[in-house]
N, C-alpha and C. Protein backbone atom coordinates (compact mmCIF):
# COMPACT_ATOMS: atom_id res chain seq x y z
N UNK A 1 8.25 -19.67 121.74
CA UNK A 1 7.39 -20.38 122.66
C UNK A 1 5.93 -20.00 122.51
N UNK A 2 5.68 -18.77 122.09
CA UNK A 2 4.31 -18.32 121.93
C UNK A 2 3.60 -19.09 120.80
N UNK A 3 4.31 -19.33 119.71
CA UNK A 3 3.73 -20.05 118.56
C UNK A 3 3.38 -21.49 118.95
N UNK A 4 4.25 -22.11 119.78
CA UNK A 4 3.95 -23.47 120.23
C UNK A 4 2.69 -23.50 121.09
N UNK A 5 2.50 -22.52 121.93
CA UNK A 5 1.29 -22.48 122.76
C UNK A 5 0.04 -22.29 121.90
N UNK A 6 0.14 -21.44 120.84
CA UNK A 6 -0.98 -21.28 119.94
C UNK A 6 -1.29 -22.60 119.24
N UNK A 7 -0.27 -23.33 118.87
CA UNK A 7 -0.47 -24.63 118.22
C UNK A 7 -1.19 -25.61 119.14
N UNK A 8 -0.78 -25.63 120.42
CA UNK A 8 -1.42 -26.53 121.39
C UNK A 8 -2.88 -26.13 121.59
N UNK A 9 -3.13 -24.84 121.64
CA UNK A 9 -4.53 -24.35 121.82
C UNK A 9 -5.35 -24.74 120.60
N UNK A 10 -4.81 -24.60 119.40
CA UNK A 10 -5.53 -24.97 118.18
C UNK A 10 -5.85 -26.47 118.19
N UNK A 11 -4.88 -27.30 118.61
CA UNK A 11 -5.11 -28.74 118.68
C UNK A 11 -6.24 -29.08 119.63
N UNK A 12 -6.21 -28.48 120.83
CA UNK A 12 -7.24 -28.77 121.84
C UNK A 12 -8.61 -28.30 121.39
N UNK A 13 -8.66 -27.12 120.79
CA UNK A 13 -9.97 -26.62 120.31
C UNK A 13 -10.53 -27.46 119.15
N UNK A 14 -9.61 -27.93 118.28
CA UNK A 14 -10.10 -28.75 117.18
C UNK A 14 -10.65 -30.10 117.68
N UNK A 15 -10.01 -30.65 118.70
CA UNK A 15 -10.53 -31.89 119.31
C UNK A 15 -11.91 -31.63 119.94
N UNK A 16 -12.02 -30.53 120.69
CA UNK A 16 -13.27 -30.18 121.35
C UNK A 16 -14.38 -29.98 120.32
N UNK A 17 -14.13 -29.20 119.27
CA UNK A 17 -15.15 -28.94 118.27
C UNK A 17 -15.52 -30.21 117.49
N UNK A 18 -14.54 -31.02 117.21
CA UNK A 18 -14.82 -32.26 116.46
C UNK A 18 -15.76 -33.17 117.25
N UNK A 19 -15.47 -33.36 118.51
CA UNK A 19 -16.32 -34.22 119.34
C UNK A 19 -17.71 -33.57 119.53
N UNK A 20 -17.74 -32.27 119.77
CA UNK A 20 -19.01 -31.58 120.01
C UNK A 20 -19.89 -31.62 118.78
N UNK A 21 -19.35 -31.30 117.62
CA UNK A 21 -20.18 -31.29 116.40
C UNK A 21 -20.65 -32.69 116.03
N UNK A 22 -19.87 -33.70 116.35
CA UNK A 22 -20.30 -35.08 116.07
C UNK A 22 -21.43 -35.47 116.98
N UNK A 23 -21.38 -35.08 118.27
CA UNK A 23 -22.43 -35.42 119.20
C UNK A 23 -23.73 -34.68 118.93
N UNK A 24 -23.61 -33.44 118.43
CA UNK A 24 -24.82 -32.64 118.11
C UNK A 24 -25.52 -33.19 116.89
N UNK A 25 -24.76 -33.79 116.01
CA UNK A 25 -25.36 -34.36 114.81
C UNK A 25 -25.22 -33.51 113.58
N UNK A 26 -24.41 -32.43 113.64
CA UNK A 26 -24.15 -31.62 112.47
C UNK A 26 -23.14 -32.30 111.61
N UNK A 27 -23.56 -32.78 110.45
CA UNK A 27 -22.70 -33.61 109.65
C UNK A 27 -21.97 -32.81 108.57
N UNK A 28 -22.68 -32.11 107.74
CA UNK A 28 -22.06 -31.41 106.61
C UNK A 28 -22.01 -29.92 106.86
N UNK A 29 -20.99 -29.27 106.36
CA UNK A 29 -20.85 -27.85 106.68
C UNK A 29 -21.14 -26.92 105.53
N UNK A 30 -21.13 -27.37 104.30
CA UNK A 30 -21.55 -26.48 103.17
C UNK A 30 -22.45 -27.32 102.30
N UNK A 31 -23.72 -27.24 102.57
CA UNK A 31 -24.69 -27.97 101.77
C UNK A 31 -24.46 -29.47 101.84
N UNK A 32 -24.35 -30.10 100.71
CA UNK A 32 -24.19 -31.55 100.66
C UNK A 32 -22.91 -31.90 99.90
N UNK A 33 -21.81 -31.26 100.28
CA UNK A 33 -20.54 -31.50 99.57
C UNK A 33 -20.01 -32.90 99.87
N UNK A 34 -20.23 -33.41 101.05
CA UNK A 34 -19.73 -34.72 101.41
C UNK A 34 -18.53 -34.64 102.35
N UNK A 35 -18.12 -33.43 102.71
CA UNK A 35 -17.03 -33.26 103.67
C UNK A 35 -17.64 -32.93 105.01
N UNK A 36 -17.27 -33.64 106.02
CA UNK A 36 -17.87 -33.45 107.35
C UNK A 36 -17.09 -32.41 108.14
N UNK A 37 -17.73 -31.88 109.18
CA UNK A 37 -17.08 -30.92 110.05
C UNK A 37 -15.83 -31.53 110.67
N UNK A 38 -15.87 -32.81 110.98
CA UNK A 38 -14.74 -33.46 111.63
C UNK A 38 -13.49 -33.40 110.75
N UNK A 39 -13.67 -33.48 109.42
CA UNK A 39 -12.52 -33.37 108.53
C UNK A 39 -11.89 -31.99 108.59
N UNK A 40 -12.74 -30.98 108.64
CA UNK A 40 -12.25 -29.59 108.75
C UNK A 40 -11.45 -29.42 110.03
N UNK A 41 -11.97 -29.95 111.13
CA UNK A 41 -11.28 -29.79 112.40
C UNK A 41 -10.02 -30.67 112.49
N UNK A 42 -10.00 -31.79 111.77
CA UNK A 42 -8.77 -32.58 111.70
C UNK A 42 -7.67 -31.82 110.96
N UNK A 43 -8.03 -31.15 109.89
CA UNK A 43 -7.05 -30.33 109.17
C UNK A 43 -6.55 -29.19 110.04
N UNK A 44 -7.47 -28.57 110.80
CA UNK A 44 -7.08 -27.52 111.71
C UNK A 44 -6.15 -28.05 112.80
N UNK A 45 -6.40 -29.25 113.29
CA UNK A 45 -5.54 -29.88 114.29
C UNK A 45 -4.14 -30.16 113.74
N UNK A 46 -4.06 -30.55 112.47
CA UNK A 46 -2.75 -30.78 111.85
C UNK A 46 -1.98 -29.48 111.74
N UNK A 47 -2.66 -28.39 111.41
CA UNK A 47 -1.99 -27.08 111.38
C UNK A 47 -1.49 -26.71 112.78
N UNK A 48 -2.30 -27.00 113.79
CA UNK A 48 -1.87 -26.73 115.16
C UNK A 48 -0.68 -27.56 115.57
N UNK A 49 -0.63 -28.82 115.11
CA UNK A 49 0.51 -29.66 115.42
C UNK A 49 1.78 -29.14 114.77
N UNK A 50 1.66 -28.67 113.53
CA UNK A 50 2.82 -28.11 112.85
C UNK A 50 3.30 -26.87 113.61
N UNK A 51 2.39 -26.01 114.05
CA UNK A 51 2.78 -24.82 114.80
C UNK A 51 3.42 -25.21 116.15
N UNK A 52 2.91 -26.27 116.77
CA UNK A 52 3.45 -26.67 118.06
C UNK A 52 4.85 -27.29 117.92
N UNK A 53 5.13 -27.91 116.79
CA UNK A 53 6.41 -28.57 116.59
C UNK A 53 7.49 -27.71 115.96
N UNK A 54 7.11 -26.52 115.50
CA UNK A 54 8.10 -25.62 114.93
C UNK A 54 9.09 -25.17 116.01
N UNK A 55 10.35 -25.06 115.69
CA UNK A 55 11.29 -24.59 116.70
C UNK A 55 11.10 -23.10 116.95
N UNK A 56 11.33 -22.68 118.19
CA UNK A 56 11.19 -21.28 118.51
C UNK A 56 12.35 -20.50 117.90
N UNK A 57 12.14 -19.20 117.68
CA UNK A 57 13.13 -18.39 117.01
C UNK A 57 14.19 -17.83 117.94
N UNK A 58 14.14 -18.18 119.19
CA UNK A 58 15.15 -17.69 120.15
C UNK A 58 16.40 -18.46 120.09
């Protein structure tokens, strides 16, 4: 159950950061690579979803 809660927290934080960084106007995170912050947080949200959907070990 603890891993699922961590997954939900990661999902919520990635949504919060994605919206916040988009509103602030910070577009690129390492120079001019072409990958936006939102992509990084989307990947983080997918990891959180996988953690939330994993079955508990009990």
